[in-house]
PDB file of N, CA and C in Angstrom:
ATOM      1  N   UNK A   1      32.358 -10.254  17.292  1.00  0.00           N
ATOM      2  CA  UNK A   1      31.737 -10.825  16.098  1.00  0.00           C
ATOM      3  C   UNK A   1      30.225 -10.956  16.296  1.00  0.00           C
ATOM      4  N   UNK A   2      29.423 -10.864  15.188  1.00  0.00           N
ATOM      5  CA  UNK A   2      27.981 -11.003  15.316  1.00  0.00           C
ATOM      6  C   UNK A   2      27.598 -12.384  15.825  1.00  0.00           C
ATOM      7  N   UNK A   3      26.507 -12.404  16.572  1.00  0.00           N
ATOM      8  CA  UNK A   3      26.021 -13.659  17.122  1.00  0.00           C
ATOM      9  C   UNK A   3      25.629 -14.598  15.984  1.00  0.00           C
ATOM     10  N   UNK A   4      26.080 -15.810  16.033  1.00  0.00           N
ATOM     11  CA  UNK A   4      25.777 -16.808  15.009  1.00  0.00           C
ATOM     12  C   UNK A   4      24.353 -17.329  15.238  1.00  0.00           C
ATOM     13  N   UNK A   5      23.516 -17.169  14.259  1.00  0.00           N
ATOM     14  CA  UNK A   5      22.151 -17.666  14.354  1.00  0.00           C
ATOM     15  C   UNK A   5      21.843 -18.488  13.119  1.00  0.00           C
ATOM     16  N   UNK A   6      20.802 -19.294  13.234  1.00  0.00           N
ATOM     17  CA  UNK A   6      20.400 -20.104  12.096  1.00  0.00           C
ATOM     18  C   UNK A   6      20.009 -19.206  10.917  1.00  0.00           C
ATOM     19  N   UNK A   7      19.285 -18.117  11.203  1.00  0.00           N
ATOM     20  CA  UNK A   7      18.864 -17.192  10.154  1.00  0.00           C
ATOM     21  C   UNK A   7      20.079 -16.583   9.463  1.00  0.00           C
ATOM     22  N   UNK A   8      21.075 -16.142  10.245  1.00  0.00           N
ATOM     23  CA  UNK A   8      22.274 -15.537   9.668  1.00  0.00           C
ATOM     24  C   UNK A   8      23.004 -16.553   8.786  1.00  0.00           C
ATOM     25  N   UNK A   9      23.103 -17.800   9.236  1.00  0.00           N
ATOM     26  CA  UNK A   9      23.777 -18.822   8.437  1.00  0.00           C
ATOM     27  C   UNK A   9      23.051 -19.040   7.112  1.00  0.00           C
ATOM     28  N   UNK A  10      21.699 -19.035   7.157  1.00  0.00           N
ATOM     29  CA  UNK A  10      20.929 -19.228   5.933  1.00  0.00           C
ATOM     30  C   UNK A  10      21.118 -18.063   4.973  1.00  0.00           C
ATOM     31  N   UNK A  11      21.133 -16.859   5.495  1.00  0.00           N
ATOM     32  CA  UNK A  11      21.316 -15.675   4.648  1.00  0.00           C
ATOM     33  C   UNK A  11      22.693 -15.685   4.009  1.00  0.00           C
ATOM     34  N   UNK A  12      23.714 -15.980   4.809  1.00  0.00           N
ATOM     35  CA  UNK A  12      25.073 -15.984   4.284  1.00  0.00           C
ATOM     36  C   UNK A  12      25.300 -17.111   3.292  1.00  0.00           C
ATOM     37  N   UNK A  13      24.534 -18.202   3.425  1.00  0.00           N
ATOM     38  CA  UNK A  13      24.693 -19.334   2.521  1.00  0.00           C
ATOM     39  C   UNK A  13      23.808 -19.214   1.279  1.00  0.00           C
ATOM     40  N   UNK A  14      22.998 -18.164   1.198  1.00  0.00           N
ATOM     41  CA  UNK A  14      22.081 -17.986   0.069  1.00  0.00           C
ATOM     42  C   UNK A  14      22.864 -17.861  -1.231  1.00  0.00           C
ATOM     43  N   UNK A  15      22.293 -18.343  -2.318  1.00  0.00           N
ATOM     44  CA  UNK A  15      22.957 -18.194  -3.621  1.00  0.00           C
ATOM     45  C   UNK A  15      23.217 -16.726  -3.926  1.00  0.00           C
ATOM     46  N   UNK A  16      24.220 -16.474  -4.761  1.00  0.00           N
ATOM     47  CA  UNK A  16      24.655 -15.101  -5.021  1.00  0.00           C
ATOM     48  C   UNK A  16      23.648 -14.262  -5.810  1.00  0.00           C
ATOM     49  N   UNK A  17      22.597 -14.875  -6.388  1.00  0.00           N
ATOM     50  CA  UNK A  17      21.638 -14.071  -7.133  1.00  0.00           C
ATOM     51  C   UNK A  17      20.684 -13.310  -6.231  1.00  0.00           C
ATOM     52  N   UNK A  18      20.705 -13.557  -4.938  1.00  0.00           N
ATOM     53  CA  UNK A  18      19.908 -12.779  -3.998  1.00  0.00           C
ATOM     54  C   UNK A  18      20.646 -11.490  -3.669  1.00  0.00           C
ATOM     55  N   UNK A  19      19.926 -10.384  -3.598  1.00  0.00           N
ATOM     56  CA  UNK A  19      20.532  -9.132  -3.198  1.00  0.00           C
ATOM     57  C   UNK A  19      20.826  -9.188  -1.709  1.00  0.00           C
ATOM     58  N   UNK A  20      21.905  -8.551  -1.268  1.00  0.00           N
ATOM     59  CA  UNK A  20      22.203  -8.538   0.158  1.00  0.00           C
ATOM     60  C   UNK A  20      21.037  -7.929   0.936  1.00  0.00           C
ATOM     61  N   UNK A  21      20.617  -8.624   1.976  1.00  0.00           N
ATOM     62  CA  UNK A  21      19.550  -8.127   2.836  1.00  0.00           C
ATOM     63  C   UNK A  21      18.158  -8.412   2.318  1.00  0.00           C
ATOM     64  N   UNK A  22      18.029  -8.954   1.118  1.00  0.00           N
ATOM     65  CA  UNK A  22      16.712  -9.189   0.540  1.00  0.00           C
ATOM     66  C   UNK A  22      15.889 -10.167   1.365  1.00  0.00           C
ATOM     67  N   UNK A  23      16.551 -11.075   2.055  1.00  0.00           N
ATOM     68  CA  UNK A  23      15.824 -12.065   2.836  1.00  0.00           C
ATOM     69  C   UNK A  23      15.322 -11.491   4.158  1.00  0.00           C
ATOM     70  N   UNK A  24      15.813 -10.335   4.548  1.00  0.00           N
ATOM     71  CA  UNK A  24      15.458  -9.810   5.860  1.00  0.00           C
ATOM     72  C   UNK A  24      14.638  -8.522   5.808  1.00  0.00           C
ATOM     73  N   UNK A  25      14.494  -7.906   4.633  1.00  0.00           N
ATOM     74  CA  UNK A  25      13.742  -6.663   4.555  1.00  0.00           C
ATOM     75  C   UNK A  25      12.696  -6.751   3.452  1.00  0.00           C
ATOM     76  N   UNK A  26      11.630  -5.965   3.594  1.00  0.00           N
ATOM     77  CA  UNK A  26      10.627  -5.878   2.552  1.00  0.00           C
ATOM     78  C   UNK A  26      10.031  -4.483   2.580  1.00  0.00           C
ATOM     79  N   UNK A  27       9.533  -4.052   1.443  1.00  0.00           N
ATOM     80  CA  UNK A  27       8.940  -2.721   1.344  1.00  0.00           C
ATOM     81  C   UNK A  27       7.600  -2.696   2.056  1.00  0.00           C
ATOM     82  N   UNK A  28       7.278  -1.558   2.625  1.00  0.00           N
ATOM     83  CA  UNK A  28       5.985  -1.388   3.257  1.00  0.00           C
ATOM     84  C   UNK A  28       4.916  -1.213   2.189  1.00  0.00           C
ATOM     85  N   UNK A  29       3.703  -1.626   2.491  1.00  0.00           N
ATOM     86  CA  UNK A  29       2.577  -1.412   1.588  1.00  0.00           C
ATOM     87  C   UNK A  29       2.254   0.074   1.538  1.00  0.00           C
ATOM     88  N   UNK A  30       1.646   0.485   0.443  1.00  0.00           N
ATOM     89  CA  UNK A  30       1.237   1.876   0.306  1.00  0.00           C
ATOM     90  C   UNK A  30      -0.006   2.138   1.145  1.00  0.00           C
ATOM     91  N   UNK A  31      -0.040   3.268   1.803  1.00  0.00           N
ATOM     92  CA  UNK A  31      -1.205   3.710   2.567  1.00  0.00           C
ATOM     93  C   UNK A  31      -2.321   4.015   1.565  1.00  0.00           C
ATOM     94  N   UNK A  32      -3.544   3.632   1.872  1.00  0.00           N
ATOM     95  CA  UNK A  32      -4.649   3.850   0.947  1.00  0.00           C
ATOM     96  C   UNK A  32      -5.090   5.311   0.875  1.00  0.00           C
ATOM     97  N   UNK A  33      -4.644   6.141   1.787  1.00  0.00           N
ATOM     98  CA  UNK A  33      -4.996   7.565   1.759  1.00  0.00           C
ATOM     99  C   UNK A  33      -3.896   8.392   1.107  1.00  0.00           C
ATOM    100  N   UNK A  34      -2.674   8.319   1.640  1.00  0.00           N
ATOM    101  CA  UNK A  34      -1.587   9.174   1.136  1.00  0.00           C
ATOM    102  C   UNK A  34      -0.659   8.468   0.152  1.00  0.00           C
ATOM    103  N   UNK A  35      -0.853   7.167  -0.049  1.00  0.00           N
ATOM    104  CA  UNK A  35      -0.025   6.340  -0.931  1.00  0.00           C
ATOM    105  C   UNK A  35       1.438   6.310  -0.515  1.00  0.00           C
ATOM    106  N   UNK A  36       1.720   6.724   0.716  1.00  0.00           N
ATOM    107  CA  UNK A  36       3.082   6.695   1.223  1.00  0.00           C
ATOM    108  C   UNK A  36       3.471   5.311   1.702  1.00  0.00           C
ATOM    109  N   UNK A  37       4.734   4.997   1.598  1.00  0.00           N
ATOM    110  CA  UNK A  37       5.267   3.721   2.097  1.00  0.00           C
ATOM    111  C   UNK A  37       6.146   3.945   3.318  1.00  0.00           C
ATOM    112  N   UNK A  38       6.099   5.154   3.843  1.00  0.00           N
ATOM    113  CA  UNK A  38       6.859   5.473   5.043  1.00  0.00           C
ATOM    114  C   UNK A  38       6.113   4.934   6.266  1.00  0.00           C
ATOM    115  N   UNK A  39       6.831   4.587   7.331  1.00  0.00           N
ATOM    116  CA  UNK A  39       6.163   4.061   8.529  1.00  0.00           C
ATOM    117  C   UNK A  39       5.252   5.112   9.166  1.00  0.00           C
ATOM    118  N   UNK A  40       3.977   4.834   9.207  1.00  0.00           N
ATOM    119  CA  UNK A  40       2.991   5.655   9.905  1.00  0.00           C
ATOM    120  C   UNK A  40       1.734   4.819  10.114  1.00  0.00           C
ATOM    121  N   UNK A  41       0.821   5.303  10.925  1.00  0.00           N
ATOM    122  CA  UNK A  41      -0.394   4.544  11.211  1.00  0.00           C
ATOM    123  C   UNK A  41      -1.351   4.683  10.034  1.00  0.00           C
ATOM    124  N   UNK A  42      -1.332   3.707   9.147  1.00  0.00           N
ATOM    125  CA  UNK A  42      -2.155   3.767   7.944  1.00  0.00           C
ATOM    126  C   UNK A  42      -3.645   3.613   8.259  1.00  0.00           C
ATOM    127  N   UNK A  43      -3.976   3.044   9.403  1.00  0.00           N
ATOM    128  CA  UNK A  43      -5.378   2.870   9.778  1.00  0.00           C
ATOM    129  C   UNK A  43      -6.026   4.188  10.174  1.00  0.00           C
ATOM    130  N   UNK A  44      -5.227   5.117  10.673  1.00  0.00           N
ATOM    131  CA  UNK A  44      -5.792   6.401  11.080  1.00  0.00           C
ATOM    132  C   UNK A  44      -5.261   7.569  10.246  1.00  0.00           C
ATOM    133  N   UNK A  45      -4.641   7.267   9.105  1.00  0.00           N
ATOM    134  CA  UNK A  45      -4.104   8.332   8.254  1.00  0.00           C
ATOM    135  C   UNK A  45      -5.248   9.233   7.780  1.00  0.00           C
ATOM    136  N   UNK A  46      -5.064  10.515   7.965  1.00  0.00           N
ATOM    137  CA  UNK A  46      -6.067  11.488   7.522  1.00  0.00           C
ATOM    138  C   UNK A  46      -5.401  12.588   6.692  1.00  0.00           C
ATOM    139  N   UNK A  47      -4.333  12.213   5.999  1.00  0.00           N
ATOM    140  CA  UNK A  47      -3.590  13.182   5.197  1.00  0.00           C
ATOM    141  C   UNK A  47      -4.496  13.823   4.143  1.00  0.00           C
ATOM    142  N   UNK A  48      -4.282  15.085   3.916  1.00  0.00           N
ATOM    143  CA  UNK A  48      -5.038  15.799   2.887  1.00  0.00           C
ATOM    144  C   UNK A  48      -4.287  15.840   1.570  1.00  0.00           C
ATOM    145  N   UNK A  49      -3.008  15.449   1.613  1.00  0.00           N
ATOM    146  CA  UNK A  49      -2.200  15.357   0.400  1.00  0.00           C
ATOM    147  C   UNK A  49      -1.566  13.974   0.336  1.00  0.00           C
ATOM    148  N   UNK A  50      -1.113  13.606  -0.842  1.00  0.00           N
ATOM    149  CA  UNK A  50      -0.393  12.343  -0.991  1.00  0.00           C
ATOM    150  C   UNK A  50       0.976  12.477  -0.343  1.00  0.00           C
ATOM    151  N   UNK A  51       1.729  11.412  -0.353  1.00  0.00           N
ATOM    152  CA  UNK A  51       3.041  11.348   0.297  1.00  0.00           C
ATOM    153  C   UNK A  51       3.974  12.467  -0.145  1.00  0.00           C
ATOM    154  N   UNK A  52       3.763  13.004  -1.356  1.00  0.00           N
ATOM    155  CA  UNK A  52       4.652  14.049  -1.864  1.00  0.00           C
ATOM    156  C   UNK A  52       4.401  15.410  -1.217  1.00  0.00           C
ATOM    157  N   UNK A  53       3.307  15.527  -0.428  1.00  0.00           N
ATOM    158  CA  UNK A  53       2.996  16.776   0.248  1.00  0.00           C
ATOM    159  C   UNK A  53       2.386  17.839  -0.642  1.00  0.00           C
ATOM    160  N   UNK A  54       2.134  17.510  -1.912  1.00  0.00           N
ATOM    161  CA  UNK A  54       1.616  18.479  -2.873  1.00  0.00           C
ATOM    162  C   UNK A  54       0.279  18.024  -3.480  1.00  0.00           C
ATOM    163  N   UNK A  55       0.257  16.813  -3.998  1.00  0.00           N
ATOM    164  CA  UNK A  55      -0.919  16.291  -4.688  1.00  0.00           C
ATOM    165  C   UNK A  55      -2.054  16.048  -3.691  1.00  0.00           C
ATOM    166  N   UNK A  56      -3.242  16.611  -3.944  1.00  0.00           N
ATOM    167  CA  UNK A  56      -4.363  16.379  -3.018  1.00  0.00           C
ATOM    168  C   UNK A  56      -4.731  14.901  -2.941  1.00  0.00           C
ATOM    169  N   UNK A  57      -5.040  14.425  -1.752  1.00  0.00           N
ATOM    170  CA  UNK A  57      -5.485  13.043  -1.566  1.00  0.00           C
ATOM    171  C   UNK A  57      -6.842  12.868  -2.236  1.00  0.00           C
ATOM    172  N   UNK A  58      -7.043  11.748  -2.881  1.00  0.00           N
ATOM    173  CA  UNK A  58      -8.297  11.483  -3.590  1.00  0.00           C
ATOM    174  C   UNK A  58      -9.399  11.038  -2.634  1.00  0.00           C
ATOM    175  N   UNK A  59      -9.050  10.233  -1.652  1.00  0.00           N
ATOM    176  CA  UNK A  59     -10.041   9.653  -0.745  1.00  0.00           C
ATOM    177  C   UNK A  59      -9.860  10.124   0.695  1.00  0.00           C
ATOM    178  N   UNK A  60     -10.831   9.777   1.490  1.00  0.00           N
ATOM    179  CA  UNK A  60     -10.772  10.010   2.937  1.00  0.00           C
ATOM    180  C   UNK A  60     -11.379   8.779   3.597  1.00  0.00           C
ATOM    181  N   UNK A  61     -11.415   8.776   4.909  1.00  0.00           N
ATOM    182  CA  UNK A  61     -12.042   7.678   5.645  1.00  0.00           C
ATOM    183  C   UNK A  61     -13.210   8.220   6.450  1.00  0.00           C
ATOM    184  N   UNK A  62     -14.250   7.390   6.582  1.00  0.00           N
ATOM    185  CA  UNK A  62     -15.375   7.804   7.403  1.00  0.00           C
ATOM    186  C   UNK A  62     -15.104   7.452   8.866  1.00  0.00           C
ATOM    187  N   UNK A  63     -16.067   7.693   9.726  1.00  0.00           N
ATOM    188  CA  UNK A  63     -15.861   7.457  11.164  1.00  0.00           C
ATOM    189  C   UNK A  63     -15.686   5.985  11.509  1.00  0.00           C
ATOM    190  N   UNK A  64     -15.988   5.094  10.571  1.00  0.00           N
ATOM    191  CA  UNK A  64     -15.788   3.657  10.787  1.00  0.00           C
ATOM    192  C   UNK A  64     -14.494   3.166  10.134  1.00  0.00           C
ATOM    193  N   UNK A  65     -13.735   4.094   9.547  1.00  0.00           N
ATOM    194  CA  UNK A  65     -12.458   3.741   8.941  1.00  0.00           C
ATOM    195  C   UNK A  65     -12.564   3.222   7.521  1.00  0.00           C
ATOM    196  N   UNK A  66     -13.734   3.343   6.910  1.00  0.00           N
ATOM    197  CA  UNK A  66     -13.909   2.875   5.542  1.00  0.00           C
ATOM    198  C   UNK A  66     -13.501   3.965   4.547  1.00  0.00           C
ATOM    199  N   UNK A  67     -12.951   3.512   3.415  1.00  0.00           N
ATOM    200  CA  UNK A  67     -12.501   4.437   2.365  1.00  0.00           C
ATOM    201  C   UNK A  67     -13.692   5.048   1.639  1.00  0.00           C
ATOM    202  N   UNK A  68     -13.647   6.355   1.477  1.00  0.00           N
ATOM    203  CA  UNK A  68     -14.688   7.064   0.736  1.00  0.00           C
ATOM    204  C   UNK A  68     -14.060   7.852  -0.397  1.00  0.00           C
ATOM    205  N   UNK A  69     -14.651   7.746  -1.595  1.00  0.00           N
ATOM    206  CA  UNK A  69     -14.173   8.576  -2.696  1.00  0.00           C
ATOM    207  C   UNK A  69     -14.826   9.951  -2.580  1.00  0.00           C
ATOM    208  N   UNK A  70     -14.474  10.911  -3.428  1.00  0.00           N
ATOM    209  CA  UNK A  70     -15.038  12.260  -3.306  1.00  0.00           C
ATOM    210  C   UNK A  70     -16.564  12.314  -3.407  1.00  0.00           C
ATOM    211  N   UNK A  71     -17.192  11.326  -4.076  1.00  0.00           N
ATOM    212  CA  UNK A  71     -18.648  11.296  -4.197  1.00  0.00           C
ATOM    213  C   UNK A  71     -19.311  10.684  -2.962  1.00  0.00           C
ATOM    214  N   UNK A  72     -18.489  10.178  -2.018  1.00  0.00           N
ATOM    215  CA  UNK A  72     -19.027   9.573  -0.805  1.00  0.00           C
ATOM    216  C   UNK A  72     -19.282   8.082  -0.903  1.00  0.00           C
ATOM    217  N   UNK A  73     -18.883   7.464  -2.011  1.00  0.00           N
ATOM    218  CA  UNK A  73     -19.036   6.018  -2.194  1.00  0.00           C
ATOM    219  C   UNK A  73     -17.968   5.275  -1.404  1.00  0.00           C
ATOM    220  N   UNK A  74     -18.378   4.251  -0.678  1.00  0.00           N
ATOM    221  CA  UNK A  74     -17.422   3.403   0.041  1.00  0.00           C
ATOM    222  C   UNK A  74     -16.722   2.515  -0.974  1.00  0.00           C
ATOM    223  N   UNK A  75     -15.399   2.515  -0.956  1.00  0.00           N
ATOM    224  CA  UNK A  75     -14.616   1.712  -1.893  1.00  0.00           C
ATOM    225  C   UNK A  75     -14.288   0.349  -1.320  1.00  0.00           C
ATOM    226  N   UNK A  76     -14.029  -0.595  -2.192  1.00  0.00           N
ATOM    227  CA  UNK A  76     -13.630  -1.951  -1.807  1.00  0.00           C
ATOM    228  C   UNK A  76     -12.190  -1.918  -1.292  1.00  0.00           C
ATOM    229  N   UNK A  77     -12.000  -2.332  -0.057  1.00  0.00           N
ATOM    230  CA  UNK A  77     -10.646  -2.316   0.515  1.00  0.00           C
ATOM    231  C   UNK A  77      -9.774  -3.419  -0.082  1.00  0.00           C
ATOM    232  N   UNK A  78     -10.376  -4.544  -0.484  1.00  0.00           N
ATOM    233  CA  UNK A  78      -9.589  -5.606  -1.114  1.00  0.00           C
ATOM    234  C   UNK A  78      -9.005  -5.138  -2.446  1.00  0.00           C
ATOM    235  N   UNK A  79      -9.734  -4.301  -3.177  1.00  0.00           N
ATOM    236  CA  UNK A  79      -9.270  -3.783  -4.463  1.00  0.00           C
ATOM    237  C   UNK A  79      -7.969  -3.001  -4.306  1.00  0.00           C
ATOM    238  N   UNK A  80      -7.765  -2.418  -3.134  1.00  0.00           N
ATOM    239  CA  UNK A  80      -6.574  -1.603  -2.883  1.00  0.00           C
ATOM    240  C   UNK A  80      -5.338  -2.461  -2.629  1.00  0.00           C
ATOM    241  N   UNK A  81      -5.516  -3.734  -2.371  1.00  0.00           N
ATOM    242  CA  UNK A  81      -4.401  -4.653  -2.108  1.00  0.00           C
ATOM    243  C   UNK A  81      -3.701  -5.027  -3.412  1.00  0.00           C
ATOM    244  N   UNK A  82      -2.487  -5.517  -3.290  1.00  0.00           N
ATOM    245  CA  UNK A  82      -1.706  -5.893  -4.471  1.00  0.00           C
ATOM    246  C   UNK A  82      -2.421  -6.959  -5.295  1.00  0.00           C
ATOM    247  N   UNK A  83      -3.057  -7.916  -4.625  1.00  0.00           N
ATOM    248  CA  UNK A  83      -3.749  -9.001  -5.321  1.00  0.00           C
ATOM    249  C   UNK A  83      -5.103  -8.572  -5.869  1.00  0.00           C
ATOM    250  N   UNK A  84      -5.626  -7.445  -5.425  1.00  0.00           N
ATOM    251  CA  UNK A  84      -6.917  -6.962  -5.906  1.00  0.00           C
ATOM    252  C   UNK A  84      -8.081  -7.746  -5.327  1.00  0.00           C
ATOM    253  N   UNK A  85      -9.226  -7.616  -5.952  1.00  0.00           N
ATOM    254  CA  UNK A  85     -10.458  -8.279  -5.512  1.00  0.00           C
ATOM    255  C   UNK A  85     -11.029  -9.046  -6.691  1.00  0.00           C
ATOM    256  N   UNK A  86     -11.407 -10.281  -6.470  1.00  0.00           N
ATOM    257  CA  UNK A  86     -11.926 -11.111  -7.561  1.00  0.00           C
ATOM    258  C   UNK A  86     -13.439 -11.014  -7.715  1.00  0.00           C
ATOM    259  N   UNK A  87     -14.111 -10.320  -6.828  1.00  0.00           N
ATOM    260  CA  UNK A  87     -15.566 -10.211  -6.900  1.00  0.00           C
ATOM    261  C   UNK A  87     -15.998  -9.276  -8.027  1.00  0.00           C
ATOM    262  N   UNK A  88     -17.032  -9.682  -8.738  1.00  0.00           N
ATOM    263  CA  UNK A  88     -17.601  -8.811  -9.769  1.00  0.00           C
ATOM    264  C   UNK A  88     -18.970  -8.293  -9.329  1.00  0.00           C
ATOM    265  N   UNK A  89     -19.322  -8.537  -8.072  1.00  0.00           N
ATOM    266  CA  UNK A  89     -20.641  -8.126  -7.575  1.00  0.00           C
ATOM    267  C   UNK A  89     -20.688  -6.660  -7.133  1.00  0.00           C
ATOM    268  N   UNK A  90     -19.522  -6.017  -7.054  1.00  0.00           N
ATOM    269  CA  UNK A  90     -19.492  -4.615  -6.622  1.00  0.00           C
ATOM    270  C   UNK A  90     -18.425  -3.827  -7.389  1.00  0.00           C
ATOM    271  N   UNK A  91     -18.460  -3.973  -8.708  1.00  0.00           N
ATOM    272  CA  UNK A  91     -17.463  -3.305  -9.558  1.00  0.00           C
ATOM    273  C   UNK A  91     -17.430  -1.791  -9.366  1.00  0.00           C
ATOM    274  N   UNK A  92     -18.555  -1.198  -8.994  1.00  0.00           N
ATOM    275  CA  UNK A  92     -18.590   0.255  -8.803  1.00  0.00           C
ATOM    276  C   UNK A  92     -17.727   0.690  -7.625  1.00  0.00           C
ATOM    277  N   UNK A  93     -17.351  -0.258  -6.770  1.00  0.00           N
ATOM    278  CA  UNK A  93     -16.501   0.056  -5.620  1.00  0.00           C
ATOM    279  C   UNK A  93     -15.033  -0.244  -5.912  1.00  0.00           C
ATOM    280  N   UNK A  94     -14.744  -0.707  -7.127  1.00  0.00           N
ATOM    281  CA  UNK A  94     -13.373  -0.998  -7.545  1.00  0.00           C
ATOM    282  C   UNK A  94     -12.788   0.243  -8.191  1.00  0.00           C
ATOM    283  N   UNK A  95     -12.208   1.074  -7.356  1.00  0.00           N
ATOM    284  CA  UNK A  95     -11.628   2.345  -7.768  1.00  0.00           C
ATOM    285  C   UNK A  95     -10.378   2.567  -6.934  1.00  0.00           C
ATOM    286  N   UNK A  96      -9.318   3.025  -7.553  1.00  0.00           N
ATOM    287  CA  UNK A  96      -8.086   3.304  -6.824  1.00  0.00           C
ATOM    288  C   UNK A  96      -8.315   4.436  -5.828  1.00  0.00           C
ATOM    289  N   UNK A  97      -7.928   4.219  -4.600  1.00  0.00           N
ATOM    290  CA  UNK A  97      -8.099   5.243  -3.568  1.00  0.00           C
ATOM    291  C   UNK A  97      -7.122   6.400  -3.741  1.00  0.00           C
ATOM    292  N   UNK A  98      -6.114   6.210  -4.575  1.00  0.00           N
ATOM    293  CA  UNK A  98      -5.124   7.263  -4.785  1.00  0.00           C
ATOM    294  C   UNK A  98      -5.428   8.192  -5.939  1.00  0.00           C
ATOM    295  N   UNK A  99      -6.081   7.654  -6.995  1.00  0.00           N
ATOM    296  CA  UNK A  99      -6.324   8.495  -8.175  1.00  0.00           C
ATOM    297  C   UNK A  99      -7.730   8.383  -8.734  1.00  0.00           C
ATOM    298  N   UNK A 100      -8.474   7.371  -8.322  1.00  0.00           N
ATOM    299  CA  UNK A 100      -9.849   7.212  -8.781  1.00  0.00           C
ATOM    300  C   UNK A 100     -10.035   6.334 -10.005  1.00  0.00           C
ATOM    301  N   UNK A 101      -8.966   5.833 -10.584  1.00  0.00           N
ATOM    302  CA  UNK A 101      -9.098   4.995 -11.780  1.00  0.00           C
ATOM    303  C   UNK A 101      -9.543   3.580 -11.409  1.00  0.00           C
ATOM    304  N   UNK A 102     -10.359   2.951 -12.272  1.00  0.00           N
ATOM    305  CA  UNK A 102     -10.844   1.600 -11.989  1.00  0.00           C
ATOM    306  C   UNK A 102      -9.893   0.497 -12.454  1.00  0.00           C
ATOM    307  N   UNK A 103      -8.764   0.854 -13.008  1.00  0.00           N
ATOM    308  CA  UNK A 103      -7.843  -0.134 -13.592  1.00  0.00           C
ATOM    309  C   UNK A 103      -6.851  -0.729 -12.597  1.00  0.00           C
ATOM    310  N   UNK A 104      -6.755  -0.150 -11.410  1.00  0.00           N
ATOM    311  CA  UNK A 104      -5.785  -0.630 -10.419  1.00  0.00           C
ATOM    312  C   UNK A 104      -6.200  -0.128  -9.040  1.00  0.00           C
ATOM    313  N   UNK A 105      -5.526  -0.659  -8.023  1.00  0.00           N
ATOM    314  CA  UNK A 105      -5.750  -0.211  -6.655  1.00  0.00           C
ATOM    315  C   UNK A 105      -4.557   0.583  -6.130  1.00  0.00           C
ATOM    316  N   UNK A 106      -4.581   0.921  -4.864  1.00  0.00           N
ATOM    317  CA  UNK A 106      -3.563   1.762  -4.262  1.00  0.00           C
ATOM    318  C   UNK A 106      -2.147   1.194  -4.373  1.00  0.00           C
ATOM    319  N   UNK A 107      -2.003  -0.124  -4.258  1.00  0.00           N
ATOM    320  CA  UNK A 107      -0.652  -0.710  -4.235  1.00  0.00           C
ATOM    321  C   UNK A 107       0.086  -0.568  -5.555  1.00  0.00           C
ATOM    322  N   UNK A 108      -0.643  -0.408  -6.647  1.00  0.00           N
ATOM    323  CA  UNK A 108       0.005  -0.287  -7.962  1.00  0.00           C
ATOM    324  C   UNK A 108      -0.284   1.067  -8.613  1.00  0.00           C
ATOM    325  N   UNK A 109      -0.755   2.018  -7.837  1.00  0.00           N
ATOM    326  CA  UNK A 109      -1.062   3.340  -8.384  1.00  0.00           C
ATOM    327  C   UNK A 109       0.231   4.056  -8.786  1.00  0.00           C
ATOM    328  N   UNK A 110       0.265   4.640  -9.992  1.00  0.00           N
ATOM    329  CA  UNK A 110       1.459   5.382 -10.417  1.00  0.00           C
ATOM    330  C   UNK A 110       1.772   6.582  -9.532  1.00  0.00           C
ATOM    331  N   UNK A 111       0.792   7.082  -8.788  1.00  0.00           N
ATOM    332  CA  UNK A 111       1.017   8.213  -7.893  1.00  0.00           C
ATOM    333  C   UNK A 111       1.677   7.805  -6.579  1.00  0.00           C
ATOM    334  N   UNK A 112       1.735   6.506  -6.314  1.00  0.00           N
ATOM    335  CA  UNK A 112       2.267   6.008  -5.044  1.00  0.00           C
ATOM    336  C   UNK A 112       3.759   6.201  -4.899  1.00  0.00           C
ATOM    337  N   UNK A 113       4.180   6.276  -3.643  1.00  0.00           N
ATOM    338  CA  UNK A 113       5.613   6.372  -3.328  1.00  0.00           C
ATOM    339  C   UNK A 113       6.265   5.083  -3.776  1.00  0.00           C
ATOM    340  N   UNK A 114       7.371   5.182  -4.474  1.00  0.00           N
ATOM    341  CA  UNK A 114       8.059   3.993  -4.972  1.00  0.00           C
ATOM    342  C   UNK A 114       8.660   3.198  -3.822  1.00  0.00           C
ATOM    343  N   UNK A 115       8.605   1.890  -3.967  1.00  0.00           N
ATOM    344  CA  UNK A 115       9.124   0.984  -2.933  1.00  0.00           C
ATOM    345  C   UNK A 115      10.640   1.019  -2.881  1.00  0.00           C
TER     346      UNK A 115
END
């Protein structure tokens, strides 16, 4: 039988509206270069295509690991997070690293691999 742990007891006692395993697993964040959610080193990703292997990647990283759009502008890394960036002092850097649109970041890009 599986080892009885406090975590296992809590999961098994969870109300039925929780999906099985929901308390123990979570989706990976999308990589800001390839928009993939598969396990890989997102800090050193240098993919030339998105996760689908077909669509060209919109951005790249410079030698310091900063996101660059095709024009060479450094993008706001906070903007790529699910919560976004609340600063209005650098709106020109608020561009999705996956598609270039200013309306969202990498985590909510329609081109991203689904969670």
